[in-house]
Amino acid sequence: MADVEREKRADVPDRNPDPITGEPGAHPVGTGLGAVVGGIAGGYAGKEIAESIDPTTEDAYWRDNYASRPYHDASTSYDEYRPAYQYGWESRSKYADRSFDEVEPDLGRNWESVKAHSKLTWDRAKYATRDAWDRIDRSVRGRTTGSAASGRTAD
């Protein structure tokens, strides 16, 4: 029996066609639920990262180390770099399920609104922002890959 004839018969289950493509097997509830679950998981990941960040510790670390970074310009004070570092550590928790490369265009567009009194352009600030992002990322990955058997986690 031809496929078209089978589909017309009452005893053939509904193909549940995709409303856009017409392809069989669309599961809008499952897809929607998957999006919600993914969003919740991403939200929890972001919350976990945010809770692991101590802004005072991060600020002290960067104040002590910014001058040794390859992008550092000796004529630029820490106060100019500070908003970029903060933007990096805060953005890492906001975009917990994405990479820096994925969000860098968004971060660049928003730099003017978050840079406070810094005179750095995004072309210069992005290196410090990424540096702080990567430090948080390494810290979070270290905690999740610590030795569970020994009860230790990475610092």
N, C-alpha and C. Protein backbone atom coordinates (compact mmCIF):
# COMPACT_ATOMS: atom_id res chain seq x y z
N MET A 1 0.85 -1.16 0.00
CA MET A 1 0.00 0.00 0.00
C MET A 1 0.90 1.24 0.00
N ALA A 2 0.56 2.23 -0.76
CA ALA A 2 1.36 3.44 -0.86
C ALA A 2 1.34 4.21 0.45
N ASP A 3 2.42 4.94 0.74
CA ASP A 3 2.52 5.72 1.97
C ASP A 3 1.37 6.70 2.12
N VAL A 4 0.97 7.33 1.04
CA VAL A 4 -0.12 8.31 1.10
C VAL A 4 -1.41 7.63 1.53
N GLU A 5 -1.67 6.44 1.00
CA GLU A 5 -2.89 5.71 1.37
C GLU A 5 -2.85 5.29 2.83
N ARG A 6 -1.68 4.86 3.31
CA ARG A 6 -1.55 4.45 4.71
C ARG A 6 -1.82 5.62 5.64
N GLU A 7 -1.32 6.78 5.28
CA GLU A 7 -1.52 7.95 6.13
C GLU A 7 -2.99 8.35 6.20
N LYS A 8 -3.75 8.06 5.17
CA LYS A 8 -5.17 8.41 5.15
C LYS A 8 -5.98 7.47 6.02
N ARG A 9 -5.48 6.27 6.28
CA ARG A 9 -6.22 5.30 7.08
C ARG A 9 -6.26 5.72 8.53
N ALA A 10 -7.35 5.45 9.19
CA ALA A 10 -7.55 5.85 10.58
C ALA A 10 -6.66 5.10 11.55
N ASP A 11 -6.24 3.85 11.19
CA ASP A 11 -5.45 3.06 12.13
C ASP A 11 -3.95 3.38 12.06
N VAL A 12 -3.54 4.33 11.23
CA VAL A 12 -2.13 4.73 11.14
C VAL A 12 -1.94 5.91 12.10
N PRO A 13 -0.97 5.80 12.98
CA PRO A 13 -0.75 6.89 13.93
C PRO A 13 -0.39 8.20 13.21
N ASP A 14 -0.72 9.30 13.87
CA ASP A 14 -0.42 10.63 13.34
C ASP A 14 1.08 10.76 13.14
N ARG A 15 1.48 11.32 12.04
CA ARG A 15 2.90 11.52 11.75
C ARG A 15 3.49 12.63 12.60
N ASN A 16 2.65 13.45 13.21
CA ASN A 16 3.10 14.59 14.01
C ASN A 16 4.10 15.43 13.21
N PRO A 17 3.65 15.98 12.07
CA PRO A 17 4.58 16.71 11.22
C PRO A 17 5.06 18.01 11.85
N ASP A 18 6.30 18.34 11.56
CA ASP A 18 6.87 19.62 11.98
C ASP A 18 6.08 20.72 11.31
N PRO A 19 5.65 21.74 12.05
CA PRO A 19 4.81 22.77 11.46
C PRO A 19 5.54 23.62 10.41
N ILE A 20 6.84 23.64 10.42
CA ILE A 20 7.59 24.44 9.45
C ILE A 20 8.03 23.61 8.26
N THR A 21 8.66 22.48 8.53
CA THR A 21 9.23 21.68 7.45
C THR A 21 8.30 20.60 6.93
N GLY A 22 7.29 20.21 7.72
CA GLY A 22 6.39 19.13 7.33
C GLY A 22 6.98 17.76 7.57
N GLU A 23 8.21 17.68 8.07
CA GLU A 23 8.87 16.40 8.33
C GLU A 23 8.15 15.69 9.48
N PRO A 24 8.07 14.36 9.42
CA PRO A 24 7.41 13.62 10.51
C PRO A 24 8.25 13.64 11.78
N GLY A 25 7.58 13.46 12.89
CA GLY A 25 8.29 13.27 14.15
C GLY A 25 8.56 14.51 14.95
N ALA A 26 7.86 15.61 14.68
CA ALA A 26 8.07 16.80 15.48
C ALA A 26 7.54 16.57 16.89
N HIS A 27 8.27 17.00 17.86
CA HIS A 27 7.86 16.84 19.26
C HIS A 27 7.99 18.18 19.95
N PRO A 28 7.01 19.09 19.73
CA PRO A 28 7.13 20.43 20.28
C PRO A 28 7.20 20.47 21.80
N VAL A 29 6.51 19.58 22.47
CA VAL A 29 6.57 19.58 23.93
C VAL A 29 7.96 19.15 24.38
N GLY A 30 8.47 18.10 23.78
CA GLY A 30 9.82 17.63 24.13
C GLY A 30 10.88 18.67 23.82
N THR A 31 10.73 19.32 22.69
CA THR A 31 11.70 20.35 22.31
C THR A 31 11.63 21.51 23.29
N GLY A 32 10.41 21.94 23.60
CA GLY A 32 10.24 23.03 24.55
C GLY A 32 10.77 22.67 25.91
N LEU A 33 10.48 21.45 26.36
CA LEU A 33 10.95 20.99 27.65
C LEU A 33 12.48 20.93 27.67
N GLY A 34 13.06 20.46 26.56
CA GLY A 34 14.51 20.42 26.47
C GLY A 34 15.13 21.80 26.59
N ALA A 35 14.49 22.79 25.97
CA ALA A 35 14.99 24.16 26.05
C ALA A 35 14.90 24.68 27.48
N VAL A 36 13.80 24.37 28.16
CA VAL A 36 13.63 24.81 29.55
C VAL A 36 14.67 24.15 30.45
N VAL A 37 14.83 22.83 30.30
CA VAL A 37 15.80 22.11 31.12
C VAL A 37 17.21 22.64 30.85
N GLY A 38 17.53 22.87 29.59
CA GLY A 38 18.84 23.43 29.25
C GLY A 38 19.04 24.80 29.87
N GLY A 39 18.00 25.62 29.84
CA GLY A 39 18.09 26.94 30.44
C GLY A 39 18.28 26.88 31.94
N ILE A 40 17.56 25.96 32.57
CA ILE A 40 17.70 25.79 34.02
C ILE A 40 19.10 25.30 34.36
N ALA A 41 19.58 24.31 33.60
CA ALA A 41 20.93 23.78 33.85
C ALA A 41 21.96 24.88 33.67
N GLY A 42 21.81 25.68 32.62
CA GLY A 42 22.73 26.79 32.40
C GLY A 42 22.64 27.81 33.52
N GLY A 43 21.42 28.05 34.00
CA GLY A 43 21.23 28.97 35.11
C GLY A 43 21.92 28.49 36.38
N TYR A 44 21.78 27.18 36.66
CA TYR A 44 22.46 26.62 37.82
C TYR A 44 23.97 26.68 37.66
N ALA A 45 24.46 26.42 36.46
CA ALA A 45 25.90 26.51 36.23
C ALA A 45 26.38 27.93 36.47
N GLY A 46 25.62 28.90 35.96
CA GLY A 46 25.99 30.30 36.16
C GLY A 46 25.97 30.68 37.63
N LYS A 47 24.96 30.19 38.36
CA LYS A 47 24.86 30.47 39.79
C LYS A 47 26.04 29.86 40.53
N GLU A 48 26.41 28.64 40.16
CA GLU A 48 27.54 27.98 40.80
C GLU A 48 28.83 28.76 40.57
N ILE A 49 29.03 29.21 39.34
CA ILE A 49 30.22 30.00 39.04
C ILE A 49 30.20 31.30 39.83
N ALA A 50 29.05 32.00 39.79
CA ALA A 50 28.95 33.28 40.49
C ALA A 50 29.24 33.13 41.98
N GLU A 51 28.73 32.06 42.58
CA GLU A 51 28.95 31.85 44.01
C GLU A 51 30.41 31.51 44.32
N SER A 52 31.14 31.04 43.33
CA SER A 52 32.54 30.68 43.56
C SER A 52 33.48 31.87 43.40
N ILE A 53 32.97 32.99 42.94
CA ILE A 53 33.81 34.16 42.69
C ILE A 53 33.80 35.08 43.91
N ASP A 54 34.97 35.41 44.38
CA ASP A 54 35.12 36.39 45.44
C ASP A 54 35.70 37.65 44.80
N PRO A 55 34.88 38.67 44.57
CA PRO A 55 35.36 39.87 43.89
C PRO A 55 36.58 40.52 44.57
N THR A 56 36.64 40.46 45.89
CA THR A 56 37.79 41.04 46.60
C THR A 56 39.06 40.28 46.26
N THR A 57 38.96 38.96 46.23
CA THR A 57 40.12 38.13 45.88
C THR A 57 40.54 38.37 44.44
N GLU A 58 39.56 38.43 43.54
CA GLU A 58 39.88 38.66 42.13
C GLU A 58 40.54 40.01 41.93
N ASP A 59 39.98 41.04 42.55
CA ASP A 59 40.55 42.37 42.41
C ASP A 59 41.99 42.40 42.93
N ALA A 60 42.23 41.80 44.09
CA ALA A 60 43.58 41.77 44.66
C ALA A 60 44.54 41.00 43.74
N TYR A 61 44.07 39.87 43.19
CA TYR A 61 44.91 39.09 42.28
C TYR A 61 45.34 39.93 41.08
N TRP A 62 44.36 40.57 40.44
CA TRP A 62 44.68 41.33 39.23
C TRP A 62 45.51 42.57 39.55
N ARG A 63 45.25 43.20 40.68
CA ARG A 63 46.06 44.37 41.07
C ARG A 63 47.53 43.96 41.21
N ASP A 64 47.76 42.77 41.77
CA ASP A 64 49.13 42.28 41.98
C ASP A 64 49.77 41.74 40.70
N ASN A 65 48.96 41.33 39.72
CA ASN A 65 49.50 40.63 38.57
C ASN A 65 49.33 41.31 37.21
N TYR A 66 48.54 42.36 37.14
CA TYR A 66 48.24 42.94 35.82
C TYR A 66 49.49 43.42 35.09
N ALA A 67 50.46 43.93 35.81
CA ALA A 67 51.65 44.48 35.17
C ALA A 67 52.51 43.41 34.50
N SER A 68 52.31 42.15 34.86
CA SER A 68 53.11 41.07 34.26
C SER A 68 52.43 40.45 33.04
N ARG A 69 51.24 40.92 32.70
CA ARG A 69 50.49 40.34 31.58
C ARG A 69 51.03 40.87 30.25
N PRO A 70 51.00 40.05 29.20
CA PRO A 70 51.61 40.44 27.92
C PRO A 70 50.93 41.64 27.25
N TYR A 71 49.70 41.91 27.55
CA TYR A 71 48.98 43.03 26.94
C TYR A 71 49.15 44.33 27.74
N HIS A 72 49.78 44.24 28.90
CA HIS A 72 49.92 45.41 29.77
C HIS A 72 50.77 46.49 29.10
N ASP A 73 50.29 47.71 29.23
CA ASP A 73 51.00 48.89 28.76
C ASP A 73 51.46 49.64 30.01
N ALA A 74 52.76 49.86 30.14
CA ALA A 74 53.31 50.47 31.36
C ALA A 74 52.74 51.86 31.64
N SER A 75 52.22 52.52 30.63
CA SER A 75 51.63 53.85 30.85
C SER A 75 50.17 53.78 31.28
N THR A 76 49.64 52.56 31.46
CA THR A 76 48.24 52.39 31.83
C THR A 76 48.16 51.81 33.24
N SER A 77 47.45 52.50 34.13
CA SER A 77 47.35 52.09 35.53
C SER A 77 46.36 50.94 35.70
N TYR A 78 46.44 50.32 36.88
CA TYR A 78 45.49 49.25 37.19
C TYR A 78 44.06 49.77 37.16
N ASP A 79 43.84 50.98 37.59
CA ASP A 79 42.49 51.54 37.61
C ASP A 79 41.86 51.58 36.22
N GLU A 80 42.67 51.67 35.18
CA GLU A 80 42.15 51.61 33.81
C GLU A 80 41.78 50.18 33.42
N TYR A 81 42.56 49.21 33.89
CA TYR A 81 42.31 47.81 33.57
C TYR A 81 41.21 47.17 34.43
N ARG A 82 41.05 47.68 35.65
CA ARG A 82 40.16 47.05 36.61
C ARG A 82 38.76 46.76 36.05
N PRO A 83 38.08 47.72 35.40
CA PRO A 83 36.74 47.40 34.88
C PRO A 83 36.75 46.24 33.87
N ALA A 84 37.81 46.10 33.11
CA ALA A 84 37.91 45.00 32.15
C ALA A 84 38.04 43.67 32.87
N TYR A 85 38.86 43.63 33.92
CA TYR A 85 38.97 42.40 34.69
C TYR A 85 37.64 42.04 35.34
N GLN A 86 37.00 43.01 35.94
CA GLN A 86 35.71 42.76 36.57
C GLN A 86 34.68 42.28 35.55
N TYR A 87 34.69 42.89 34.39
CA TYR A 87 33.78 42.48 33.31
C TYR A 87 34.01 41.02 32.95
N GLY A 88 35.27 40.60 32.94
CA GLY A 88 35.60 39.21 32.63
C GLY A 88 35.11 38.24 33.68
N TRP A 89 35.40 38.52 34.95
CA TRP A 89 34.98 37.55 35.98
C TRP A 89 33.47 37.55 36.16
N GLU A 90 32.81 38.68 35.98
CA GLU A 90 31.35 38.69 36.09
C GLU A 90 30.68 38.05 34.87
N SER A 91 31.24 38.28 33.70
CA SER A 91 30.66 37.72 32.48
C SER A 91 30.78 36.21 32.44
N ARG A 92 31.83 35.66 33.04
CA ARG A 92 32.01 34.20 33.03
C ARG A 92 30.83 33.51 33.68
N SER A 93 30.29 34.09 34.74
CA SER A 93 29.12 33.46 35.38
C SER A 93 27.84 33.75 34.60
N LYS A 94 27.77 34.89 33.97
CA LYS A 94 26.58 35.23 33.19
C LYS A 94 26.44 34.31 31.97
N TYR A 95 27.55 33.98 31.36
CA TYR A 95 27.55 33.14 30.15
C TYR A 95 28.18 31.79 30.47
N ALA A 96 27.69 31.14 31.51
CA ALA A 96 28.31 29.92 32.03
C ALA A 96 28.39 28.79 31.01
N ASP A 97 27.45 28.73 30.09
CA ASP A 97 27.42 27.61 29.15
C ASP A 97 28.01 27.96 27.79
N ARG A 98 28.73 29.08 27.70
CA ARG A 98 29.29 29.51 26.42
C ARG A 98 30.77 29.84 26.58
N SER A 99 31.47 29.83 25.47
CA SER A 99 32.90 30.15 25.49
C SER A 99 33.09 31.66 25.31
N PHE A 100 34.27 32.13 25.67
CA PHE A 100 34.58 33.55 25.48
C PHE A 100 34.46 33.93 24.02
N ASP A 101 34.97 33.09 23.14
CA ASP A 101 34.91 33.39 21.71
C ASP A 101 33.47 33.56 21.23
N GLU A 102 32.55 32.79 21.79
CA GLU A 102 31.15 32.90 21.40
C GLU A 102 30.53 34.23 21.85
N VAL A 103 30.92 34.71 23.01
CA VAL A 103 30.27 35.91 23.56
C VAL A 103 31.07 37.18 23.35
N GLU A 104 32.29 37.08 22.86
CA GLU A 104 33.13 38.27 22.71
C GLU A 104 32.47 39.39 21.91
N PRO A 105 31.75 39.09 20.82
CA PRO A 105 31.08 40.19 20.11
C PRO A 105 30.06 40.92 21.00
N ASP A 106 29.31 40.18 21.81
CA ASP A 106 28.34 40.80 22.73
C ASP A 106 29.06 41.63 23.79
N LEU A 107 30.13 41.07 24.33
CA LEU A 107 30.89 41.80 25.35
C LEU A 107 31.45 43.10 24.77
N GLY A 108 31.94 43.02 23.56
CA GLY A 108 32.48 44.22 22.92
C GLY A 108 31.43 45.30 22.72
N ARG A 109 30.24 44.88 22.31
CA ARG A 109 29.15 45.85 22.12
C ARG A 109 28.75 46.51 23.44
N ASN A 110 28.88 45.79 24.55
CA ASN A 110 28.45 46.31 25.84
C ASN A 110 29.55 47.02 26.63
N TRP A 111 30.78 46.96 26.14
CA TRP A 111 31.91 47.51 26.88
C TRP A 111 31.70 48.98 27.26
N GLU A 112 31.22 49.79 26.35
CA GLU A 112 31.04 51.21 26.64
C GLU A 112 30.12 51.44 27.84
N SER A 113 29.14 50.59 28.03
CA SER A 113 28.19 50.79 29.13
C SER A 113 28.68 50.24 30.46
N VAL A 114 29.75 49.44 30.46
CA VAL A 114 30.23 48.85 31.72
C VAL A 114 31.62 49.32 32.12
N LYS A 115 32.28 50.07 31.28
CA LYS A 115 33.69 50.39 31.53
C LYS A 115 33.93 51.46 32.58
N ALA A 116 32.87 52.04 33.11
CA ALA A 116 32.99 53.08 34.13
C ALA A 116 33.88 54.21 33.62
N HIS A 117 34.95 54.52 34.35
CA HIS A 117 35.82 55.64 33.96
C HIS A 117 37.04 55.20 33.16
N SER A 118 37.12 53.91 32.82
CA SER A 118 38.26 53.43 32.06
C SER A 118 38.30 54.08 30.68
N LYS A 119 39.49 54.41 30.25
CA LYS A 119 39.66 54.99 28.92
C LYS A 119 40.03 53.93 27.88
N LEU A 120 40.10 52.67 28.32
CA LEU A 120 40.46 51.60 27.39
C LEU A 120 39.37 51.40 26.34
N THR A 121 39.79 51.23 25.11
CA THR A 121 38.86 50.81 24.07
C THR A 121 38.67 49.31 24.20
N TRP A 122 37.64 48.77 23.58
CA TRP A 122 37.42 47.33 23.64
C TRP A 122 38.61 46.58 23.04
N ASP A 123 39.22 47.14 22.02
CA ASP A 123 40.37 46.47 21.40
C ASP A 123 41.50 46.24 22.40
N ARG A 124 41.61 47.07 23.42
CA ARG A 124 42.62 46.87 24.45
C ARG A 124 42.05 46.14 25.67
N ALA A 125 40.81 46.45 26.03
CA ALA A 125 40.20 45.87 27.23
C ALA A 125 39.90 44.39 27.08
N LYS A 126 39.66 43.94 25.85
CA LYS A 126 39.25 42.53 25.68
C LYS A 126 40.29 41.54 26.17
N TYR A 127 41.57 41.93 26.14
CA TYR A 127 42.60 41.00 26.60
C TYR A 127 42.52 40.80 28.12
N ALA A 128 42.31 41.88 28.85
CA ALA A 128 42.16 41.77 30.30
C ALA A 128 40.85 41.06 30.65
N THR A 129 39.80 41.35 29.89
CA THR A 129 38.51 40.70 30.12
C THR A 129 38.64 39.20 29.93
N ARG A 130 39.29 38.81 28.85
CA ARG A 130 39.47 37.38 28.60
C ARG A 130 40.37 36.73 29.65
N ASP A 131 41.38 37.45 30.08
CA ASP A 131 42.29 36.93 31.09
C ASP A 131 41.51 36.60 32.38
N ALA A 132 40.66 37.51 32.81
CA ALA A 132 39.87 37.27 34.02
C ALA A 132 38.85 36.16 33.80
N TRP A 133 38.24 36.13 32.61
CA TRP A 133 37.29 35.05 32.24
C TRP A 133 38.00 33.71 32.35
N ASP A 134 39.19 33.61 31.75
CA ASP A 134 39.93 32.35 31.73
C ASP A 134 40.36 31.92 33.13
N ARG A 135 40.71 32.87 33.97
CA ARG A 135 41.09 32.53 35.35
C ARG A 135 39.92 31.89 36.08
N ILE A 136 38.73 32.46 35.94
CA ILE A 136 37.54 31.88 36.58
C ILE A 136 37.23 30.52 35.97
N ASP A 137 37.34 30.44 34.65
CA ASP A 137 37.06 29.18 33.97
C ASP A 137 37.99 28.07 34.47
N ARG A 138 39.26 28.36 34.58
CA ARG A 138 40.22 27.36 35.09
C ARG A 138 39.89 26.98 36.52
N SER A 139 39.50 27.95 37.32
CA SER A 139 39.16 27.69 38.71
C SER A 139 37.95 26.77 38.83
N VAL A 140 36.93 27.05 38.04
CA VAL A 140 35.71 26.23 38.07
C VAL A 140 35.99 24.83 37.57
N ARG A 141 36.72 24.71 36.47
CA ARG A 141 37.04 23.38 35.95
C ARG A 141 37.90 22.61 36.94
N GLY A 142 38.78 23.28 37.64
CA GLY A 142 39.63 22.62 38.64
C GLY A 142 38.82 22.04 39.78
N ARG A 143 37.77 22.77 40.19
CA ARG A 143 36.92 22.27 41.26
C ARG A 143 36.09 21.08 40.81
N THR A 144 35.66 21.09 39.54
CA THR A 144 34.81 20.00 39.08
C THR A 144 35.61 18.78 38.68
N THR A 145 36.91 18.93 38.47
CA THR A 145 37.73 17.78 38.09
C THR A 145 38.67 17.37 39.22
N GLY A 146 38.48 17.93 40.40
CA GLY A 146 39.31 17.55 41.55
C GLY A 146 39.15 16.08 41.86
N SER A 147 40.05 15.57 42.63
CA SER A 147 40.03 14.15 42.94
C SER A 147 38.93 13.84 43.95
N ALA A 148 37.85 13.25 43.46
CA ALA A 148 36.72 12.89 44.33
C ALA A 148 37.12 11.76 45.26
N ALA A 149 37.98 10.89 44.82
CA ALA A 149 38.36 9.73 45.64
C ALA A 149 39.11 10.19 46.89
N SER A 150 39.91 11.23 46.74
CA SER A 150 40.68 11.67 47.91
C SER A 150 39.98 12.78 48.67
N GLY A 151 38.85 13.27 48.10
CA GLY A 151 38.13 14.34 48.75
C GLY A 151 38.74 15.71 48.49
N ARG A 152 39.78 15.76 47.64
CA ARG A 152 40.44 17.03 47.34
C ARG A 152 39.80 17.68 46.12
N THR A 153 39.89 18.98 46.09
CA THR A 153 39.53 19.73 44.91
C THR A 153 40.67 20.69 44.60
N ALA A 154 40.73 21.10 43.35
CA ALA A 154 41.79 22.03 42.97
C ALA A 154 41.52 23.40 43.53
N ASP A 155 42.58 24.15 43.83
CA ASP A 155 42.46 25.53 44.32
C ASP A 155 42.19 26.48 43.20
